[in-house]
Amino acid sequence: MTSFSETVESGAKEHSAIGRSGGSLVSQTADALRQSILSGQYKPGDKLPSEAGLTELYKVSRTVVREAVAALRADKLVEARHGAGIFVLTLPTQQPQPFQDVDHDRISSIIELLELRAAVETEAAELAAVRRSPAQEEAIIRCLSAVQDCIDKAEPTAEADFKLHLAIADATNNPRFREFLEVMGQNIIPRAALRSSQSEQTAASYLQQLQDEHDVIVHAISDGDAVAARDAMRKHLKGSQQRYRAMLRQG
């Protein structure tokens, strides 16, 4: 004989299972409708089939259809018009990806990036000094040498420089630092504006100055000196800001 408590427990389990199944059906139905809209089967301004029609089409309950349509409304793909039905909206225009509209010909745009980098990378250098592993320290030193090789061979340094900053980000052992730099991309190494205003000899001297600043940062990280690493990175990035601001004043 089944006890009262067993009956209640059985009913609760059955309700939970239905909830899970219903959730899955809602997701599947919403995805199918979404795909029909994105593929152009239903165009902006088109009216979706009635609730009964969608129920028949997808072989699901009216409740599932209502929840699936609600999900599409939340995504701004459809709207309900009182007494008329559900209509497809114009698809939202894709927003530009972060940092993809940086104008390297506009010095103020470069300064904006450098200010943001200073806020993030000074912390990265400090954490790297404390958290780095021997392998990560070795990777940073290799990247530092790669930048110097580019300078010695009069080759572009931007890619090697970017890899150095990525190696420092990796040494924080917080993957968000690398993700941040990767989203910014090589925008973080804005060389073009300065090169165009410098002679070849001055440009080489400038790159070596940057490399000397890198060397101080890397040595501080290698020594495990968090304060020195933070200060060296801050000086490095603030120095770049000052150089670009000087260009801005010169017009």
Protein backbone atom coordinates (compact mmCIF):
# COMPACT_ATOMS: atom_id res chain seq x y z
CA MET A 1 0.00 0.00 0.00
CA THR A 2 1.38 3.40 -1.01
CA SER A 3 1.72 5.90 1.81
CA PHE A 4 0.58 9.51 1.59
CA SER A 5 4.19 10.76 1.62
CA GLU A 6 5.13 8.41 -1.25
CA THR A 7 2.18 9.69 -3.29
CA VAL A 8 3.24 13.31 -2.76
CA GLU A 9 6.86 12.49 -3.65
CA SER A 10 5.78 10.66 -6.82
CA GLY A 11 3.63 13.60 -7.87
CA ALA A 12 6.47 16.05 -7.27
CA LYS A 13 8.85 13.97 -9.39
CA GLU A 14 6.31 13.73 -12.21
CA HIS A 15 5.75 17.51 -12.14
CA SER A 16 9.52 18.11 -12.18
CA ALA A 17 9.97 15.79 -15.17
CA ILE A 18 7.17 17.53 -17.07
CA GLY A 19 8.80 20.88 -16.29
CA ARG A 20 12.13 19.71 -17.66
CA SER A 21 10.50 18.25 -20.76
CA GLY A 22 8.39 21.37 -21.27
CA GLY A 23 11.48 23.57 -20.95
CA SER A 24 13.25 21.50 -23.59
CA LEU A 25 10.27 21.68 -25.92
CA VAL A 26 10.01 25.44 -25.44
CA SER A 27 13.68 25.84 -26.33
CA GLN A 28 13.39 23.60 -29.38
CA THR A 29 10.24 25.35 -30.60
CA ALA A 30 11.71 28.81 -30.04
CA ASP A 31 14.89 27.81 -31.90
CA ALA A 32 12.88 26.45 -34.83
CA LEU A 33 10.83 29.64 -35.06
CA ARG A 34 13.93 31.80 -34.69
CA GLN A 35 15.64 29.94 -37.52
CA SER A 36 12.58 30.39 -39.73
CA ILE A 37 12.79 34.14 -39.16
CA LEU A 38 16.56 34.45 -39.57
CA SER A 39 16.51 32.34 -42.75
CA GLY A 40 13.90 34.64 -44.29
CA GLN A 41 11.05 32.16 -44.32
CA TYR A 42 9.16 34.74 -42.27
CA LYS A 43 10.12 38.26 -43.32
CA PRO A 44 9.75 41.55 -41.41
CA GLY A 45 6.07 42.46 -41.34
CA ASP A 46 4.90 38.89 -41.89
CA LYS A 47 2.30 37.48 -39.55
CA LEU A 48 3.19 34.20 -37.86
CA PRO A 49 0.71 31.34 -37.99
CA SER A 50 -1.91 31.41 -35.27
CA GLU A 51 -1.31 29.75 -31.93
CA ALA A 52 -3.37 26.80 -33.13
CA GLY A 53 -1.40 26.69 -36.36
CA LEU A 54 1.96 26.67 -34.54
CA THR A 55 0.66 24.01 -32.18
CA GLU A 56 -0.19 21.81 -35.15
CA LEU A 57 3.03 22.67 -37.00
CA TYR A 58 5.39 21.79 -34.15
CA LYS A 59 3.21 19.13 -32.50
CA VAL A 60 3.43 20.80 -29.11
CA SER A 61 0.96 22.24 -26.63
CA ARG A 62 -0.40 25.77 -26.69
CA THR A 63 1.55 26.49 -23.50
CA VAL A 64 4.83 25.57 -25.21
CA VAL A 65 3.95 27.78 -28.19
CA ARG A 66 3.13 30.74 -25.95
CA GLU A 67 6.43 30.42 -24.08
CA ALA A 68 8.41 30.02 -27.30
CA VAL A 69 6.80 33.15 -28.76
CA ALA A 70 7.51 35.00 -25.51
CA ALA A 71 11.19 34.09 -25.92
CA LEU A 72 11.19 35.56 -29.44
CA ARG A 73 9.49 38.70 -28.17
CA ALA A 74 12.24 39.05 -25.56
CA ASP A 75 14.78 38.79 -28.40
CA LYS A 76 12.97 41.61 -30.27
CA LEU A 77 12.26 39.29 -33.21
CA VAL A 78 8.46 39.47 -33.03
CA GLU A 79 5.75 41.62 -31.51
CA ALA A 80 2.16 40.97 -30.51
CA ARG A 81 -0.44 43.31 -31.99
CA HIS A 82 -3.67 43.35 -30.04
CA GLY A 83 -6.40 41.54 -31.90
CA ALA A 84 -4.21 40.98 -34.96
CA GLY A 85 -1.62 38.36 -34.04
CA ILE A 86 2.16 37.98 -33.86
CA PHE A 87 4.27 39.83 -36.44
CA VAL A 88 7.94 39.60 -37.38
CA LEU A 89 10.01 42.69 -36.63
CA THR A 90 12.86 44.12 -38.66
CA LEU A 91 16.01 42.36 -37.54
CA PRO A 92 18.23 44.55 -35.35
CA THR A 93 21.34 45.84 -37.06
CA GLN A 94 24.54 44.21 -35.87
CA GLN A 95 26.42 46.37 -33.42
CA PRO A 96 30.10 47.04 -34.19
CA GLN A 97 32.53 44.90 -32.24
CA PRO A 98 34.47 46.65 -29.47
CA PHE A 99 37.69 48.41 -30.53
CA GLN A 100 37.14 47.69 -34.24
CA ASP A 101 36.47 51.35 -35.02
CA VAL A 102 39.70 52.72 -33.56
CA ASP A 103 41.00 55.45 -35.85
CA HIS A 104 44.80 55.31 -35.83
CA ASP A 105 44.94 58.56 -37.76
CA ARG A 106 43.27 60.31 -34.84
CA ILE A 107 45.77 60.79 -32.01
CA SER A 108 43.03 61.33 -29.43
CA SER A 109 41.68 57.86 -30.29
CA ILE A 110 45.08 56.32 -29.57
CA ILE A 111 45.32 58.18 -26.27
CA GLU A 112 41.93 56.74 -25.28
CA LEU A 113 43.31 53.23 -25.81
CA LEU A 114 46.47 53.96 -23.85
CA GLU A 115 44.46 55.27 -20.90
CA LEU A 116 42.41 52.08 -20.87
CA ARG A 117 45.51 49.91 -21.13
CA ALA A 118 47.10 51.73 -18.20
CA ALA A 119 44.09 50.88 -16.04
CA VAL A 120 44.26 47.18 -16.92
CA GLU A 121 47.88 46.33 -17.66
CA THR A 122 49.40 47.89 -14.56
CA GLU A 123 47.32 45.42 -12.55
CA ALA A 124 48.35 42.62 -14.90
CA ALA A 125 52.04 43.34 -14.37
CA GLU A 126 51.59 43.40 -10.60
CA LEU A 127 49.72 40.08 -10.59
CA ALA A 128 52.21 38.50 -13.00
CA ALA A 129 55.06 39.29 -10.61
CA VAL A 130 53.27 37.38 -7.85
CA ARG A 131 51.58 34.56 -9.73
CA ARG A 132 53.89 33.67 -12.63
CA SER A 133 55.10 30.11 -13.03
CA PRO A 134 58.66 29.33 -14.18
CA ALA A 135 57.31 28.41 -17.62
CA GLN A 136 55.37 31.67 -17.87
CA GLU A 137 58.42 33.65 -16.78
CA GLU A 138 60.46 31.93 -19.48
CA ALA A 139 57.79 32.75 -22.07
CA ILE A 140 57.88 36.44 -21.10
CA ILE A 141 61.67 36.55 -21.42
CA ARG A 142 61.51 34.84 -24.84
CA CYS A 143 58.98 37.42 -26.02
CA LEU A 144 61.20 40.23 -24.76
CA SER A 145 64.10 38.81 -26.79
CA ALA A 146 61.87 38.52 -29.86
CA VAL A 147 61.06 42.23 -29.70
CA GLN A 148 64.77 43.05 -29.47
CA ASP A 149 65.50 40.82 -32.47
CA CYS A 150 62.96 42.79 -34.52
CA ILE A 151 64.58 46.08 -33.50
CA ASP A 152 68.07 44.80 -34.33
CA LYS A 153 66.91 43.63 -37.77
CA ALA A 154 64.91 46.82 -38.42
CA GLU A 155 61.76 44.72 -38.74
CA PRO A 156 58.25 45.73 -37.58
CA THR A 157 57.88 45.19 -33.83
CA ALA A 158 54.11 45.47 -33.32
CA GLU A 159 53.34 41.74 -33.45
CA ALA A 160 56.23 40.76 -31.18
CA ASP A 161 55.34 43.60 -28.79
CA PHE A 162 51.73 42.39 -28.65
CA LYS A 163 52.89 38.84 -27.85
CA LEU A 164 54.99 40.19 -24.98
CA HIS A 165 51.98 41.89 -23.44
CA LEU A 166 49.93 38.72 -23.96
CA ALA A 167 52.61 36.68 -22.18
CA ILE A 168 52.45 39.06 -19.22
CA ALA A 169 48.66 38.75 -19.22
CA ASP A 170 48.97 34.95 -19.22
CA ALA A 171 51.26 35.12 -16.19
CA THR A 172 48.44 36.64 -14.12
CA ASN A 173 46.77 33.22 -14.34
CA ASN A 174 43.52 35.09 -14.83
CA PRO A 175 42.32 34.34 -18.39
CA ARG A 176 40.25 37.54 -18.52
CA PHE A 177 43.38 39.66 -18.96
CA ARG A 178 44.33 37.79 -22.15
CA GLU A 179 40.73 37.91 -23.38
CA PHE A 180 40.68 41.68 -22.88
CA LEU A 181 43.88 42.18 -24.87
CA GLU A 182 42.72 39.82 -27.62
CA VAL A 183 39.47 41.76 -27.99
CA MET A 184 41.50 44.94 -28.38
CA GLY A 185 43.86 43.17 -30.77
CA GLN A 186 47.00 44.84 -32.06
CA ASN A 187 45.21 48.16 -31.62
CA ILE A 188 47.09 48.20 -28.32
CA ILE A 189 50.36 48.76 -30.23
CA PRO A 190 49.68 52.02 -32.10
CA ARG A 191 52.88 52.68 -34.04
CA ALA A 192 51.78 54.26 -37.32
CA ALA A 193 51.10 57.81 -36.14
CA LEU A 194 54.47 58.14 -34.45
CA ARG A 195 56.38 56.56 -37.33
CA SER A 196 54.89 58.98 -39.82
CA SER A 197 56.15 61.94 -37.79
CA GLN A 198 59.68 60.60 -37.21
CA SER A 199 62.81 60.08 -39.22
CA GLU A 200 64.07 56.51 -39.53
CA GLN A 201 66.82 57.17 -36.98
CA THR A 202 64.42 58.77 -34.51
CA ALA A 203 61.94 55.90 -34.94
CA ALA A 204 64.66 53.33 -34.17
CA SER A 205 65.66 55.30 -31.07
CA TYR A 206 62.03 55.44 -29.98
CA LEU A 207 61.59 51.67 -30.37
CA GLN A 208 64.72 51.04 -28.33
CA GLN A 209 63.40 53.35 -25.63
CA LEU A 210 60.20 51.30 -25.49
CA GLN A 211 62.24 48.12 -25.33
CA ASP A 212 64.29 49.50 -22.43
CA GLU A 213 61.00 50.14 -20.63
CA HIS A 214 59.91 46.57 -21.43
CA ASP A 215 63.16 45.32 -19.95
CA VAL A 216 62.47 47.06 -16.64
CA ILE A 217 58.96 45.57 -16.52
CA VAL A 218 60.18 42.05 -17.26
CA HIS A 219 63.00 42.21 -14.73
CA ALA A 220 60.57 43.35 -12.02
CA ILE A 221 58.21 40.47 -12.85
CA SER A 222 61.12 38.02 -12.87
CA ASP A 223 62.28 39.34 -9.49
CA GLY A 224 58.79 38.90 -8.07
CA ASP A 225 58.61 42.61 -7.23
CA ALA A 226 54.92 43.39 -7.68
CA VAL A 227 55.20 47.10 -6.83
CA ALA A 228 58.13 47.65 -9.21
CA ALA A 229 56.35 45.72 -11.99
CA ARG A 230 53.20 47.79 -11.57
CA ASP A 231 55.14 51.06 -11.49
CA ALA A 232 57.26 50.12 -14.51
CA MET A 233 54.20 49.21 -16.59
CA ARG A 234 52.47 52.40 -15.54
CA LYS A 235 55.53 54.47 -16.48
CA HIS A 236 55.73 52.66 -19.82
CA LEU A 237 52.11 53.35 -20.76
CA LYS A 238 52.00 56.86 -19.30
CA GLY A 239 55.15 57.67 -21.27
CA SER A 240 53.41 56.61 -24.47
CA GLN A 241 50.45 58.82 -23.59
CA GLN A 242 52.77 61.77 -23.07
CA ARG A 243 54.46 61.20 -26.43
CA TYR A 244 51.13 61.17 -28.25
CA ARG A 245 49.88 64.20 -26.33
CA ALA A 246 53.01 66.06 -27.42
CA MET A 247 52.12 65.21 -31.03
CA LEU A 248 48.57 66.43 -30.42
CA ARG A 249 49.85 69.78 -29.15
CA GLN A 250 52.12 70.12 -32.17
CA GLY A 251 49.11 69.66 -34.44
